[in-house]
Protein backbone atom coordinates (compact mmCIF):
# COMPACT_ATOMS: atom_id res chain seq x y z
CA UNK A 1 0.00 0.00 0.00
CA UNK A 2 1.16 3.51 -0.74
CA UNK A 3 0.08 4.80 2.66
CA UNK A 4 1.48 8.30 2.21
CA UNK A 5 -0.70 9.01 -0.84
CA UNK A 6 -3.88 7.27 0.32
CA UNK A 7 -6.85 8.85 2.06
CA UNK A 8 -8.03 7.30 5.31
CA UNK A 9 -11.12 5.95 3.53
CA UNK A 10 -8.89 4.26 0.95
CA UNK A 11 -6.74 2.82 3.74
CA UNK A 12 -9.80 1.54 5.59
CA UNK A 13 -11.15 -0.03 2.37
CA UNK A 14 -7.78 -1.71 1.71
CA UNK A 15 -7.47 -2.93 5.32
CA UNK A 16 -10.86 -4.60 4.97
CA UNK A 17 -9.64 -6.51 1.90
CA UNK A 18 -6.31 -7.46 3.49
CA UNK A 19 -7.94 -8.73 6.70
CA UNK A 20 -10.49 -10.80 4.73
CA UNK A 21 -7.79 -12.32 2.51
CA UNK A 22 -5.61 -13.27 5.49
CA UNK A 23 -7.61 -13.57 8.73
CA UNK A 24 -5.09 -15.85 10.49
CA UNK A 25 -3.37 -13.10 12.55
CA UNK A 26 -6.81 -12.09 13.86
CA UNK A 27 -7.61 -15.58 15.20
CA UNK A 28 -8.44 -15.67 18.88
CA UNK A 29 -9.19 -11.95 19.06
CA UNK A 30 -12.52 -10.50 20.13
CA UNK A 31 -12.00 -6.77 20.52
CA UNK A 32 -13.35 -3.45 19.29
CA UNK A 33 -10.93 -0.63 18.60
CA UNK A 34 -11.83 3.03 18.17
CA UNK A 35 -9.44 5.35 16.33
CA UNK A 36 -9.53 9.10 16.87
CA UNK A 37 -7.22 10.40 14.15
CA UNK A 38 -6.28 14.08 14.03
CA UNK A 39 -4.87 16.22 11.24
CA UNK A 40 -5.60 16.36 7.54
CA UNK A 41 -8.08 13.65 6.57
CA UNK A 42 -8.55 12.69 10.23
CA UNK A 43 -11.73 11.41 11.76
CA UNK A 44 -13.30 8.65 13.79
CA UNK A 45 -12.90 5.05 12.69
CA UNK A 46 -13.30 1.62 14.20
CA UNK A 47 -12.12 -1.94 13.88
CA UNK A 48 -14.22 -4.74 15.30
CA UNK A 49 -12.67 -8.19 15.47
CA UNK A 50 -15.02 -11.05 16.33
CA UNK A 51 -14.12 -14.72 16.00
CA UNK A 52 -11.05 -13.78 13.97
CA UNK A 53 -13.02 -11.76 11.41
CA UNK A 54 -12.49 -8.02 10.99
CA UNK A 55 -15.21 -5.46 10.37
CA UNK A 56 -14.03 -1.98 9.42
CA UNK A 57 -16.17 0.83 10.81
CA UNK A 58 -16.21 4.18 9.04
CA UNK A 59 -17.20 5.98 12.20
CA UNK A 60 -16.07 5.66 15.77
CA UNK A 61 -17.86 2.91 17.70
CA UNK A 62 -19.71 4.08 20.81
CA UNK A 63 -18.68 0.94 22.68
CA UNK A 64 -15.03 -0.07 22.44
CA UNK A 65 -12.40 -1.99 24.36
CA UNK A 66 -9.54 0.31 23.38
CA UNK A 67 -9.39 3.74 21.78
CA UNK A 68 -6.24 5.02 20.14
CA UNK A 69 -5.78 8.75 19.64
CA UNK A 70 -3.04 9.87 17.29
CA UNK A 71 -2.37 11.88 14.16
CA UNK A 72 -3.13 10.46 10.73
CA UNK A 73 0.60 10.69 10.00
CA UNK A 74 1.49 8.56 13.05
CA UNK A 75 -1.24 6.06 12.22
CA UNK A 76 0.23 5.62 8.75
CA UNK A 77 3.67 5.15 10.33
CA UNK A 78 2.22 2.52 12.70
CA UNK A 79 0.73 0.60 9.77
CA UNK A 80 3.95 0.87 7.83
CA UNK A 81 6.00 -0.49 10.74
CA UNK A 82 7.77 2.82 11.27
CA UNK A 83 6.28 3.68 14.65
CA UNK A 84 6.62 1.69 17.85
CA UNK A 85 3.38 1.95 19.84
CA UNK A 86 5.15 1.80 23.22
CA UNK A 87 7.59 4.56 22.30
CA UNK A 88 4.80 6.65 20.76
CA UNK A 89 2.75 6.26 23.95
CA UNK A 90 5.70 7.28 26.15
CA UNK A 91 6.41 10.32 23.95
CA UNK A 92 2.77 11.43 23.88
CA UNK A 93 2.24 10.70 20.18
CA UNK A 94 -0.30 8.03 21.04
CA UNK A 95 -2.97 8.23 23.72
CA UNK A 96 -4.85 5.13 24.77
CA UNK A 97 -8.25 4.98 26.42
CA UNK A 98 -9.16 1.54 27.70
CA UNK A 99 -6.93 -1.46 28.07
CA UNK A 100 -3.35 -0.71 26.99
CA UNK A 101 -2.79 -4.42 26.41
CA UNK A 102 -5.21 -4.25 23.48
CA UNK A 103 -3.13 -1.46 21.92
CA UNK A 104 -0.03 -3.63 22.17
CA UNK A 105 -1.94 -6.59 20.72
CA UNK A 106 -3.01 -4.45 17.78
CA UNK A 107 0.60 -3.58 17.05
CA UNK A 108 1.56 -7.27 17.11
CA UNK A 109 -1.31 -8.03 14.70
CA UNK A 110 -0.27 -5.21 12.34
CA UNK A 111 3.31 -6.53 12.26
CA UNK A 112 2.02 -9.79 10.77
CA UNK A 113 0.78 -7.95 7.67
CA UNK A 114 2.71 -6.16 4.97
CA UNK A 115 1.14 -2.76 4.46
Foldseek 3Di string as FASTA:
>chain_A
DPLVPDAVVVVLVVVLVQCVVPLVLQAPDAFKEWEQADDVNTAIWIWGRDRSHIDTGPHGDPDGQKYKYAHSVVVSCLLQVNDDPVVCVVVVRIDMDHDVVVVVSVSVSSVVDHD
